[in-house]
């Protein structure tokens, strides 16, 4: 399997699909209208950065009116916070808000050039969505998934035009984190890749390029670290506070692994660990029992108000 992946990467290298050469490509397509599917924290964050940094018109799609309402409230809080900190003016806040419109179904989306999917980390849900997107949108519309671990090649196979499908993994919180992992599937075209890299850079992000393997770069490294921290807590080796303090101060990180897991979402961490374990088959990727129990209890971290730590509700 390693030889196969290595050969695939070398072929893509020789075709000019990877590294600095890609970033100099001139065959990227112009992007004027963006669609984001999913109005959770990730989707709203992507929409905001696209509207503010890239100055794009954005349609935010969610089938749930309640979730759209929560998403818009979250958007308002993000912008109000930026205004209070002097990061943007009141006029800039109004301008960004005006660029973002909402719709309740894919069929209502108005001819976007580029779509970013930001729905829950579920392979079947994502494949169904990409089938639906490709049925309603033009063949040249690029369809990007914000998956943090699921095979891009598998998602692309569900679309009518798999050459236009790519992975575009933003980090949470999107307005703050500078990185976007870009992941071509086996079917992804050179133009799709070049356009995605250009869009990410227009949004003010630094891009890295990964092969289409479980977890890509970031979560292949990060999730086992978080999972091991949960294991240390589960075994009673140290308290949650001492685990986080040790790793925060001992490695000069902005936060400890348990706090980080709470911010990511424990359900998301569990979903990624399950993909790593199922796809790679190594016991080192087996999700910690305590992580599964917390998710079963509905303790998902910041978004639920309780995870490894408690988070008071914001009104």
Protein backbone atom coordinates (compact mmCIF):
# COMPACT_ATOMS: atom_id res chain seq x y z
CA UNK A 1 0.00 0.00 0.00
CA UNK A 2 2.84 2.41 0.83
CA UNK A 3 4.44 1.67 -2.54
CA UNK A 4 1.14 2.37 -4.32
CA UNK A 5 0.72 5.71 -2.56
CA UNK A 6 4.34 6.60 -3.25
CA UNK A 7 4.03 5.81 -6.94
CA UNK A 8 0.80 7.78 -7.18
CA UNK A 9 2.42 10.80 -5.57
CA UNK A 10 5.44 10.61 -7.87
CA UNK A 11 3.17 10.51 -10.92
CA UNK A 12 1.31 13.57 -9.67
CA UNK A 13 4.60 15.32 -8.97
CA UNK A 14 5.80 14.72 -12.50
CA UNK A 15 2.48 16.01 -13.82
CA UNK A 16 2.98 19.32 -12.00
CA UNK A 17 0.19 18.74 -9.52
CA UNK A 18 2.14 19.21 -6.32
CA UNK A 19 4.28 21.72 -4.45
CA UNK A 20 5.57 25.11 -5.53
CA UNK A 21 4.83 24.44 -9.19
CA UNK A 22 1.14 24.15 -8.41
CA UNK A 23 1.16 27.51 -6.65
CA UNK A 24 2.54 29.12 -9.83
CA UNK A 25 -0.11 27.59 -12.09
CA UNK A 26 -2.00 30.08 -14.23
CA UNK A 27 -4.89 27.77 -15.13
CA UNK A 28 -7.03 28.55 -12.09
CA UNK A 29 -10.60 29.61 -12.83
CA UNK A 30 -11.97 32.95 -11.56
CA UNK A 31 -14.24 32.72 -8.52
CA UNK A 32 -16.97 35.32 -8.00
CA UNK A 33 -19.69 33.45 -6.12
CA UNK A 34 -19.17 30.94 -3.32
CA UNK A 35 -21.67 28.59 -1.71
CA UNK A 36 -21.14 27.09 1.75
CA UNK A 37 -23.30 24.10 2.71
CA UNK A 38 -23.75 23.82 6.47
CA UNK A 39 -24.25 26.70 8.90
CA UNK A 40 -22.45 25.37 11.95
CA UNK A 41 -19.31 27.01 13.34
CA UNK A 42 -17.14 25.79 10.46
CA UNK A 43 -19.58 26.77 7.73
CA UNK A 44 -20.21 30.22 9.18
CA UNK A 45 -16.48 30.75 9.68
CA UNK A 46 -15.75 29.83 6.06
CA UNK A 47 -18.54 32.09 4.82
CA UNK A 48 -17.27 35.00 6.90
CA UNK A 49 -13.67 34.69 5.70
CA UNK A 50 -14.84 34.38 2.09
CA UNK A 51 -16.98 37.50 2.44
CA UNK A 52 -14.44 39.60 4.33
CA UNK A 53 -10.99 38.55 3.18
CA UNK A 54 -11.83 37.40 -0.35
CA UNK A 55 -14.76 39.84 -0.78
CA UNK A 56 -16.93 37.18 -2.38
CA UNK A 57 -20.69 36.94 -2.53
CA UNK A 58 -21.60 33.93 -0.40
CA UNK A 59 -24.71 31.78 -0.16
CA UNK A 60 -25.00 29.88 3.12
CA UNK A 61 -27.16 26.77 2.79
CA UNK A 62 -28.81 24.75 5.53
CA UNK A 63 -32.01 22.70 5.46
CA UNK A 64 -32.71 23.50 9.10
CA UNK A 65 -34.24 26.96 9.67
CA UNK A 66 -33.28 26.71 13.34
CA UNK A 67 -29.65 25.97 12.48
CA UNK A 68 -29.56 28.83 9.98
CA UNK A 69 -30.86 31.14 12.71
CA UNK A 70 -28.18 29.91 15.11
CA UNK A 71 -25.56 30.29 12.39
CA UNK A 72 -26.51 33.88 11.67
CA UNK A 73 -26.48 34.66 15.39
CA UNK A 74 -22.97 33.19 15.58
CA UNK A 75 -21.94 35.30 12.58
CA UNK A 76 -23.25 38.43 14.31
CA UNK A 77 -21.27 37.58 17.45
CA UNK A 78 -18.06 37.06 15.46
CA UNK A 79 -18.42 40.39 13.69
CA UNK A 80 -19.44 42.25 16.84
CA UNK A 81 -16.36 40.88 18.58
CA UNK A 82 -14.13 42.05 15.72
CA UNK A 83 -15.68 45.52 15.82
CA UNK A 84 -15.18 45.75 19.59
CA UNK A 85 -11.52 44.76 19.19
CA UNK A 86 -10.94 47.22 16.37
CA UNK A 87 -10.32 44.48 13.81
CA UNK A 88 -13.00 45.88 11.53
CA UNK A 89 -15.18 48.97 11.32
CA UNK A 90 -18.95 49.08 11.61
CA UNK A 91 -19.11 49.79 7.87
CA UNK A 92 -16.97 46.73 7.14
CA UNK A 93 -19.23 44.65 9.37
CA UNK A 94 -22.29 45.75 7.41
CA UNK A 95 -20.52 45.11 4.12
CA UNK A 96 -19.55 41.56 5.12
CA UNK A 97 -23.07 40.81 6.36
CA UNK A 98 -24.57 42.10 3.12
CA UNK A 99 -22.41 39.71 1.08
CA UNK A 100 -23.81 36.65 2.88
CA UNK A 101 -27.29 35.42 1.99
CA UNK A 102 -29.04 32.27 3.18
CA UNK A 103 -31.07 29.61 1.39
CA UNK A 104 -32.80 26.48 2.68
CA UNK A 105 -32.06 23.98 -0.10
CA UNK A 106 -29.52 23.09 -2.77
CA UNK A 107 -32.13 23.68 -5.48
CA UNK A 108 -32.28 27.36 -4.46
CA UNK A 109 -28.54 27.93 -4.87
CA UNK A 110 -27.82 30.48 -7.61
CA UNK A 111 -25.01 29.33 -9.94
CA UNK A 112 -21.96 29.41 -7.66
CA UNK A 113 -18.46 29.00 -9.08
CA UNK A 114 -17.25 27.12 -6.01
CA UNK A 115 -18.98 25.15 -3.23
CA UNK A 116 -17.52 24.28 0.17
CA UNK A 117 -19.31 21.55 2.11
CA UNK A 118 -19.17 21.88 5.90
CA UNK A 119 -21.69 19.32 7.18
CA UNK A 120 -21.09 16.71 9.93
CA UNK A 121 -18.21 14.26 9.52
CA UNK A 122 -20.25 11.38 8.10
CA UNK A 123 -19.13 9.71 4.87
CA UNK A 124 -22.60 8.67 3.72
CA UNK A 125 -24.06 12.13 4.35
CA UNK A 126 -21.25 13.75 2.41
CA UNK A 127 -21.54 11.36 -0.55
CA UNK A 128 -25.29 11.93 -0.76
CA UNK A 129 -24.77 15.67 -0.67
CA UNK A 130 -22.18 15.57 -3.45
CA UNK A 131 -24.54 13.53 -5.61
CA UNK A 132 -27.24 16.15 -5.04
CA UNK A 133 -24.88 19.06 -5.67
CA UNK A 134 -23.66 17.61 -8.95
CA UNK A 135 -27.25 17.08 -10.11
CA UNK A 136 -28.20 20.74 -9.56
CA UNK A 137 -25.02 22.63 -10.44
CA UNK A 138 -23.00 23.19 -13.60
CA UNK A 139 -20.31 20.59 -14.45
CA UNK A 140 -17.54 23.16 -14.04
CA UNK A 141 -18.61 24.10 -10.49
CA UNK A 142 -15.87 23.05 -8.08
CA UNK A 143 -17.14 21.02 -5.13
CA UNK A 144 -14.85 21.11 -2.09
CA UNK A 145 -15.34 19.09 1.07
CA UNK A 146 -14.15 20.36 4.43
CA UNK A 147 -13.80 16.79 5.69
CA UNK A 148 -11.02 16.32 8.20
CA UNK A 149 -10.42 12.63 7.56
CA UNK A 150 -12.72 10.99 4.96
CA UNK A 151 -11.43 9.87 1.56
CA UNK A 152 -11.76 12.58 -1.09
CA UNK A 153 -11.64 9.93 -3.81
CA UNK A 154 -14.63 8.17 -2.26
CA UNK A 155 -16.64 11.39 -1.96
CA UNK A 156 -15.75 12.37 -5.53
CA UNK A 157 -17.01 9.03 -6.83
CA UNK A 158 -20.52 10.03 -5.74
CA UNK A 159 -20.47 13.15 -7.93
CA UNK A 160 -21.25 13.30 -11.63
CA UNK A 161 -18.04 15.20 -12.34
CA UNK A 162 -15.39 13.83 -9.93
CA UNK A 163 -12.62 15.86 -11.57
CA UNK A 164 -14.21 18.95 -9.99
CA UNK A 165 -14.12 17.52 -6.43
CA UNK A 166 -11.35 18.29 -3.94
CA UNK A 167 -10.64 18.41 -0.21
CA UNK A 168 -10.31 21.84 1.43
CA UNK A 169 -9.78 21.29 5.14
CA UNK A 170 -10.10 24.52 7.13
CA UNK A 171 -9.02 24.67 10.77
CA UNK A 172 -11.28 25.77 13.62
CA UNK A 173 -11.87 28.64 14.33
CA UNK A 174 -11.70 29.50 10.63
CA UNK A 175 -11.34 33.31 10.99
CA UNK A 176 -8.30 32.85 13.25
CA UNK A 177 -6.48 29.77 11.95
CA UNK A 178 -4.24 30.50 8.97
CA UNK A 179 -3.95 26.98 7.56
CA UNK A 180 -5.96 25.17 4.90
CA UNK A 181 -5.02 21.62 3.94
CA UNK A 182 -5.75 20.96 0.26
CA UNK A 183 -6.28 17.32 -0.71
CA UNK A 184 -6.76 16.20 -4.32
CA UNK A 185 -8.51 12.89 -4.91
CA UNK A 186 -7.34 10.50 -7.59
CA UNK A 187 -9.83 12.07 -10.02
CA UNK A 188 -9.16 15.75 -9.21
CA UNK A 189 -8.14 17.84 -12.23
CA UNK A 190 -5.17 20.21 -12.33
CA UNK A 191 -7.50 23.18 -12.82
CA UNK A 192 -9.59 22.20 -9.78
CA UNK A 193 -6.44 22.02 -7.68
CA UNK A 194 -5.02 25.30 -8.98
CA UNK A 195 -8.33 27.12 -8.46
CA UNK A 196 -8.66 25.78 -4.91
CA UNK A 197 -5.14 26.86 -3.98
CA UNK A 198 -5.76 30.31 -5.45
CA UNK A 199 -9.04 30.67 -3.55
CA UNK A 200 -7.49 29.65 -0.23
CA UNK A 201 -4.70 32.16 -0.70
CA UNK A 202 -7.24 34.85 -1.65
CA UNK A 203 -8.95 34.09 1.66
CA UNK A 204 -5.67 34.88 3.41
CA UNK A 205 -4.77 31.28 4.19
CA UNK A 206 -1.50 29.37 3.94
CA UNK A 207 -1.98 26.10 2.08
CA UNK A 208 -0.39 22.70 2.48
CA UNK A 209 -0.93 19.80 0.10
CA UNK A 210 -1.63 16.26 1.28
CA UNK A 211 -2.20 12.91 -0.34
CA UNK A 212 -5.69 11.49 0.04
CA UNK A 213 -5.00 9.30 3.07
CA UNK A 214 -6.98 9.00 6.34
CA UNK A 215 -6.56 12.11 8.49
CA UNK A 216 -4.38 13.84 5.89
CA UNK A 217 -1.51 15.65 7.65
CA UNK A 218 -3.03 17.52 10.58
CA UNK A 219 -5.33 14.90 12.03
CA UNK A 220 -3.02 11.98 11.31
CA UNK A 221 -0.71 13.67 13.84
CA UNK A 222 -3.15 15.55 16.09
CA UNK A 223 -5.88 13.02 16.84
CA UNK A 224 -3.64 10.27 18.28
CA UNK A 225 -2.13 12.96 20.54
CA UNK A 226 -5.59 13.97 21.80
CA UNK A 227 -6.69 10.34 22.09
CA UNK A 228 -3.62 9.49 24.19
CA UNK A 229 -4.37 12.44 26.49
CA UNK A 230 -7.88 11.05 26.99
CA UNK A 231 -6.29 7.68 27.77
CA UNK A 232 -4.04 9.26 30.40
CA UNK A 233 -7.13 10.81 32.03
CA UNK A 234 -9.06 7.54 31.75
CA UNK A 235 -6.28 5.60 33.50
CA UNK A 236 -6.11 8.11 36.35
CA UNK A 237 -2.49 8.98 35.64
CA UNK A 238 -3.17 12.70 36.03
CA UNK A 239 -6.03 15.16 36.38
CA UNK A 240 -7.45 16.95 33.35
CA UNK A 241 -5.88 20.20 34.60
CA UNK A 242 -2.43 18.66 35.04
CA UNK A 243 -2.56 16.95 31.64
CA UNK A 244 -3.34 20.23 29.91
CA UNK A 245 -0.90 22.30 31.98
CA UNK A 246 1.92 19.83 31.33
CA UNK A 247 1.45 19.86 27.57
CA UNK A 248 0.68 23.58 27.33
CA UNK A 249 3.71 24.74 29.29
CA UNK A 250 5.99 21.81 28.53
CA UNK A 251 5.62 22.13 24.75
CA UNK A 252 4.79 25.86 24.55
CA UNK A 253 1.37 25.19 23.03
CA UNK A 254 -1.51 27.70 23.25
CA UNK A 255 -3.75 25.11 24.95
CA UNK A 256 -3.64 21.57 26.25
CA UNK A 257 -4.97 18.53 24.38
CA UNK A 258 -8.21 18.16 26.37
CA UNK A 259 -9.14 21.82 25.95
CA UNK A 260 -8.29 21.55 22.26
CA UNK A 261 -10.53 18.50 21.95
CA UNK A 262 -13.37 20.44 23.57
CA UNK A 263 -12.96 23.24 21.03
CA UNK A 264 -12.82 20.85 18.08
CA UNK A 265 -15.83 18.90 19.36
CA UNK A 266 -15.54 15.49 20.98
CA UNK A 267 -17.94 14.00 18.44
CA UNK A 268 -15.68 15.23 15.64
CA UNK A 269 -12.59 13.82 17.38
CA UNK A 270 -14.33 10.46 17.79
CA UNK A 271 -15.45 10.40 14.15
CA UNK A 272 -11.90 11.08 12.96
CA UNK A 273 -10.39 8.45 15.26
CA UNK A 274 -12.89 5.90 13.96
CA UNK A 275 -11.90 6.66 10.37
CA UNK A 276 -8.20 6.34 11.24
CA UNK A 277 -8.79 3.06 13.08
CA UNK A 278 -11.03 1.53 10.42
CA UNK A 279 -8.90 2.60 7.46
CA UNK A 280 -5.43 2.01 8.87
CA UNK A 281 -6.22 -0.97 11.10
CA UNK A 282 -3.62 -0.11 13.75
CA UNK A 283 -4.61 -0.39 17.41
CA UNK A 284 -2.85 2.89 18.17
CA UNK A 285 -5.79 4.63 16.48
CA UNK A 286 -8.47 2.89 18.56
CA UNK A 287 -10.66 5.59 20.17
CA UNK A 288 -10.32 5.83 23.95
CA UNK A 289 -13.28 4.37 25.84
CA UNK A 290 -13.71 7.61 27.80
CA UNK A 291 -13.96 9.60 24.57
CA UNK A 292 -16.77 7.34 23.36
CA UNK A 293 -18.57 7.64 26.71
CA UNK A 294 -18.43 11.43 26.69
CA UNK A 295 -19.92 11.53 23.20
CA UNK A 296 -22.63 9.04 24.23
CA UNK A 297 -23.46 11.34 27.16
CA UNK A 298 -23.81 14.33 24.84
CA UNK A 299 -20.76 15.99 26.36
CA UNK A 300 -19.29 17.30 23.12
CA UNK A 301 -17.18 20.18 24.37
CA UNK A 302 -17.68 23.90 23.86
CA UNK A 303 -20.68 23.54 21.54
CA UNK A 304 -22.68 21.57 24.13
CA UNK A 305 -21.44 23.51 27.16
CA UNK A 306 -19.65 20.52 28.66
CA UNK A 307 -16.77 18.30 27.63
CA UNK A 308 -13.61 17.62 29.58
CA UNK A 309 -14.21 21.11 30.99
CA UNK A 310 -17.39 23.14 31.52
CA UNK A 311 -18.34 26.10 29.34
CA UNK A 312 -21.05 28.53 30.51
CA UNK A 313 -23.74 29.33 27.97
CA UNK A 314 -23.36 32.59 26.03
CA UNK A 315 -26.44 34.72 25.66
